[in-house]
Amino acid sequence: MTTLPRSMRNHWWWRPGWSVGRRFYTWHLTFQGQHDVHRLAAEYRTVLAPLGPSLTLIPDQWLHLTMQGINFIDKVAESDVRAILKAARAQLAAVPAFDLQLGPEVIDPEAVLLPAHPSEPVQAVRDAVRTAISDVLGEVPESADGFRPHMSIAYSAADGPTAPISKALATLDTRPAHARITTAELIVIHRDNFMYQWEPYASVPLG
């Protein structure tokens, strides 16, 4: 594990632009049908559950790897979203499907993360999506730099010490999870319920 943060902070503060009821177009990798990922997430949920409401444990349905946002749905025309989708299909056709390993965990000040290895194929998917967005909108939101592909398995729901989390995780004896990534997902996401939840917009196959 990397150096632990001194304390945790509540992940669920309202970031600029976000509010109850607002929806956002974004690209994620999701893990439906990825049984080994669900196996590992369940093992983490078991050891972290005794910490109670200080952590938001993510159910299998909402496990995801955040990649690249577009904009709030009231800030971008759906015709542009469809054009981005068309461009992304062409770009992603050149990106091969790949295998991914998730874990072991890292404690972030706002979450317990499972880094994704190798990072390069995920970066290739993100680069393809960013090219598609740039081709349509002329610019890309979010920086190209500092991307660390990971899947969160729990979010901090309160400010407090890190020690109870690290102590709970020290009891876990497990192995990293394997995932096979064959698609990238364009989704419409919200955080109304202190959970990232979404409706699918399109699933784009990799080459």
Protein backbone atom coordinates (compact mmCIF):
# COMPACT_ATOMS: atom_id res chain seq x y z
CA MET A 1 0.00 0.00 0.00
CA THR A 2 1.09 3.59 -0.58
CA THR A 3 1.44 6.16 2.19
CA LEU A 4 -1.84 6.47 4.07
CA PRO A 5 -3.63 9.81 4.25
CA ARG A 6 -3.83 11.18 7.77
CA SER A 7 -7.60 11.45 7.68
CA MET A 8 -10.66 10.84 5.52
CA ARG A 9 -13.04 13.48 4.23
CA ASN A 10 -16.64 13.19 3.11
CA HIS A 11 -16.75 12.41 -0.61
CA TRP A 12 -20.37 13.49 -0.97
CA TRP A 13 -19.96 17.27 -0.86
CA TRP A 14 -21.64 18.97 -3.79
CA ARG A 15 -19.02 19.74 -6.39
CA PRO A 16 -19.52 22.80 -8.62
CA GLY A 17 -22.46 22.37 -10.96
CA TRP A 18 -23.86 19.29 -9.26
CA SER A 19 -27.24 19.25 -7.50
CA VAL A 20 -30.09 16.84 -6.88
CA GLY A 21 -31.80 16.05 -10.17
CA ARG A 22 -28.94 17.11 -12.43
CA ARG A 23 -27.64 14.57 -14.93
CA PHE A 24 -24.27 14.31 -16.68
CA TYR A 25 -23.00 12.58 -19.84
CA THR A 26 -19.81 10.64 -19.20
CA TRP A 27 -17.77 7.67 -20.37
CA HIS A 28 -17.04 4.85 -17.93
CA LEU A 29 -15.93 1.28 -17.95
CA THR A 30 -18.50 -0.77 -16.08
CA PHE A 31 -18.36 -4.32 -14.78
CA GLN A 32 -21.65 -6.06 -15.50
CA GLY A 33 -21.13 -9.80 -15.68
CA GLN A 34 -17.54 -9.55 -14.41
CA HIS A 35 -17.82 -12.23 -11.75
CA ASP A 36 -14.27 -12.01 -10.47
CA VAL A 37 -14.63 -8.26 -9.96
CA HIS A 38 -17.86 -8.87 -8.05
CA ARG A 39 -16.12 -11.55 -5.97
CA LEU A 40 -13.43 -9.12 -4.90
CA ALA A 41 -15.85 -6.24 -4.24
CA ALA A 42 -17.93 -8.52 -2.00
CA GLU A 43 -14.85 -9.45 0.03
CA TYR A 44 -14.06 -5.78 0.59
CA ARG A 45 -17.66 -5.00 1.51
CA THR A 46 -17.60 -7.78 4.11
CA VAL A 47 -14.58 -6.41 5.98
CA LEU A 48 -15.63 -2.75 5.66
CA ALA A 49 -19.31 -3.18 6.58
CA PRO A 50 -18.66 -3.03 10.37
CA LEU A 51 -17.49 0.58 9.93
CA GLY A 52 -21.12 1.51 9.35
CA PRO A 53 -22.30 4.76 7.78
CA SER A 54 -18.85 6.34 7.70
CA LEU A 55 -18.33 4.47 4.41
CA THR A 56 -20.56 4.15 1.35
CA LEU A 57 -20.03 0.60 0.07
CA ILE A 58 -20.61 0.26 -3.67
CA PRO A 59 -22.87 -2.60 -4.81
CA ASP A 60 -21.95 -4.62 -7.88
CA GLN A 61 -24.46 -2.75 -10.06
CA TRP A 62 -22.66 0.56 -9.62
CA LEU A 63 -19.01 -0.50 -9.77
CA HIS A 64 -17.23 1.57 -12.40
CA LEU A 65 -13.98 2.99 -13.68
CA THR A 66 -14.39 6.71 -14.35
CA MET A 67 -12.84 7.76 -17.65
CA GLN A 68 -14.01 10.95 -19.32
CA GLY A 69 -16.90 13.33 -18.85
CA ILE A 70 -18.65 15.34 -21.56
CA ASN A 71 -20.98 17.79 -19.77
CA PHE A 72 -24.29 18.18 -17.96
CA ILE A 73 -27.21 17.23 -20.16
CA ASP A 74 -28.55 20.80 -20.09
CA LYS A 75 -25.19 22.12 -21.32
CA VAL A 76 -24.66 20.00 -24.44
CA ALA A 77 -27.00 19.34 -27.36
CA GLU A 78 -28.02 15.72 -27.79
CA SER A 79 -27.14 16.04 -31.47
CA ASP A 80 -23.56 16.70 -30.35
CA VAL A 81 -23.68 13.70 -28.01
CA ARG A 82 -24.81 11.52 -30.92
CA ALA A 83 -21.98 12.92 -33.05
CA ILE A 84 -19.47 12.19 -30.27
CA LEU A 85 -20.84 8.66 -30.05
CA LYS A 86 -20.41 8.17 -33.81
CA ALA A 87 -16.86 9.50 -33.70
CA ALA A 88 -16.05 7.36 -30.65
CA ARG A 89 -17.25 4.22 -32.42
CA ALA A 90 -14.73 4.86 -35.18
CA GLN A 91 -11.92 5.64 -32.73
CA LEU A 92 -12.59 2.70 -30.40
CA ALA A 93 -12.72 0.23 -33.27
CA ALA A 94 -8.92 0.67 -33.39
CA VAL A 95 -8.45 -0.07 -29.67
CA PRO A 96 -8.19 -3.80 -28.94
CA ALA A 97 -10.13 -5.46 -26.12
CA PHE A 98 -7.89 -6.14 -23.14
CA ASP A 99 -7.47 -7.80 -19.77
CA LEU A 100 -7.30 -5.77 -16.58
CA GLN A 101 -6.26 -6.49 -13.01
CA LEU A 102 -7.88 -4.57 -10.15
CA GLY A 103 -6.11 -4.29 -6.81
CA PRO A 104 -4.59 -4.39 -4.32
CA GLU A 105 -6.26 -1.47 -2.59
CA VAL A 106 -5.10 2.07 -1.99
CA ILE A 107 -6.71 4.34 0.60
CA ASP A 108 -7.44 7.79 -0.83
CA PRO A 109 -8.71 10.64 1.40
CA GLU A 110 -12.20 10.14 -0.09
CA ALA A 111 -12.31 6.47 -1.07
CA VAL A 112 -10.88 2.99 -1.02
CA LEU A 113 -9.57 2.40 -4.53
CA LEU A 114 -8.48 -0.60 -6.56
CA PRO A 115 -5.91 0.62 -9.10
CA ALA A 116 -6.23 -0.85 -12.59
CA HIS A 117 -3.21 -2.59 -14.14
CA PRO A 118 -1.93 -2.22 -16.76
CA SER A 119 -3.01 1.39 -17.10
CA GLU A 120 -2.00 1.80 -20.74
CA PRO A 121 -5.02 0.08 -22.37
CA VAL A 122 -7.42 2.15 -20.25
CA GLN A 123 -5.50 5.27 -21.23
CA ALA A 124 -5.87 4.26 -24.89
CA VAL A 125 -9.64 4.05 -24.48
CA ARG A 126 -9.71 7.44 -22.78
CA ASP A 127 -7.53 8.98 -25.49
CA ALA A 128 -9.87 7.66 -28.17
CA VAL A 129 -12.91 9.11 -26.41
CA ARG A 130 -11.15 12.44 -25.88
CA THR A 131 -10.32 12.59 -29.60
CA ALA A 132 -13.98 11.98 -30.43
CA ILE A 133 -15.11 14.75 -28.07
CA SER A 134 -12.52 17.16 -29.48
CA ASP A 135 -13.55 16.38 -33.06
CA VAL A 136 -17.14 17.37 -32.26
CA LEU A 137 -16.88 20.10 -29.62
CA GLY A 138 -13.45 21.52 -30.46
CA GLU A 139 -12.32 21.14 -26.85
CA VAL A 140 -12.27 18.45 -24.18
CA PRO A 141 -13.36 18.96 -20.56
CA GLU A 142 -11.08 17.67 -17.82
CA SER A 143 -7.31 17.54 -18.07
CA ALA A 144 -5.54 14.90 -20.08
CA ASP A 145 -2.96 14.68 -17.29
CA GLY A 146 -3.13 13.04 -13.90
CA PHE A 147 -5.43 10.18 -14.95
CA ARG A 148 -5.09 7.22 -12.57
CA PRO A 149 -7.41 4.41 -13.69
CA HIS A 150 -9.09 2.73 -10.74
CA MET A 151 -12.32 1.25 -9.48
CA SER A 152 -13.58 2.57 -6.15
CA ILE A 153 -15.09 -0.01 -3.82
CA ALA A 154 -16.11 2.41 -1.04
CA TYR A 155 -16.44 6.17 -0.61
CA SER A 156 -15.84 8.04 2.61
CA ALA A 157 -19.17 9.38 3.86
CA ALA A 158 -17.77 11.39 6.78
CA ASP A 159 -14.71 13.24 7.94
CA GLY A 160 -12.64 11.15 10.34
CA PRO A 161 -9.52 9.10 10.98
CA THR A 162 -8.05 6.68 8.47
CA ALA A 163 -7.00 4.14 11.09
CA PRO A 164 -10.30 2.17 11.36
CA ILE A 165 -10.29 1.62 7.60
CA SER A 166 -6.68 0.49 7.44
CA LYS A 167 -7.24 -1.78 10.44
CA ALA A 168 -10.25 -3.42 8.78
CA LEU A 169 -8.39 -3.87 5.50
CA ALA A 170 -5.47 -5.52 7.29
CA THR A 171 -7.76 -8.47 8.05
CA LEU A 172 -8.47 -9.09 4.37
CA ASP A 173 -6.60 -11.94 2.67
CA THR A 174 -7.54 -11.88 -1.00
CA ARG A 175 -6.18 -11.72 -4.52
CA PRO A 176 -6.65 -9.04 -7.20
CA ALA A 177 -9.55 -9.38 -9.60
CA HIS A 178 -9.38 -10.02 -13.32
CA ALA A 179 -11.66 -8.27 -15.81
CA ARG A 180 -11.99 -8.56 -19.56
CA ILE A 181 -12.77 -5.16 -21.12
CA THR A 182 -14.54 -5.38 -24.47
CA THR A 183 -16.68 -2.21 -24.46
CA ALA A 184 -16.74 1.40 -23.30
CA GLU A 185 -19.97 2.81 -21.92
CA LEU A 186 -21.53 6.21 -22.54
CA ILE A 187 -23.88 6.81 -19.63
CA VAL A 188 -26.09 9.47 -18.05
CA ILE A 189 -25.05 9.67 -14.42
CA HIS A 190 -26.35 11.29 -11.23
CA ARG A 191 -25.50 11.32 -7.53
CA ASP A 192 -28.92 12.11 -6.05
CA ASN A 193 -28.78 9.21 -3.57
CA PHE A 194 -25.19 9.53 -2.32
CA MET A 195 -24.22 6.93 -4.89
CA TYR A 196 -23.11 7.22 -8.52
CA GLN A 197 -26.03 5.76 -10.45
CA TRP A 198 -26.74 5.93 -14.15
CA GLU A 199 -28.77 4.99 -17.15
CA PRO A 200 -26.90 3.56 -20.16
CA TYR A 201 -26.84 5.69 -23.31
CA ALA A 202 -24.69 3.46 -25.53
CA SER A 203 -22.22 0.62 -25.27
CA VAL A 204 -19.37 0.85 -27.80
CA PRO A 205 -17.35 -2.27 -28.68
CA LEU A 206 -13.60 -2.17 -28.71
CA GLY A 207 -11.77 -3.47 -31.76
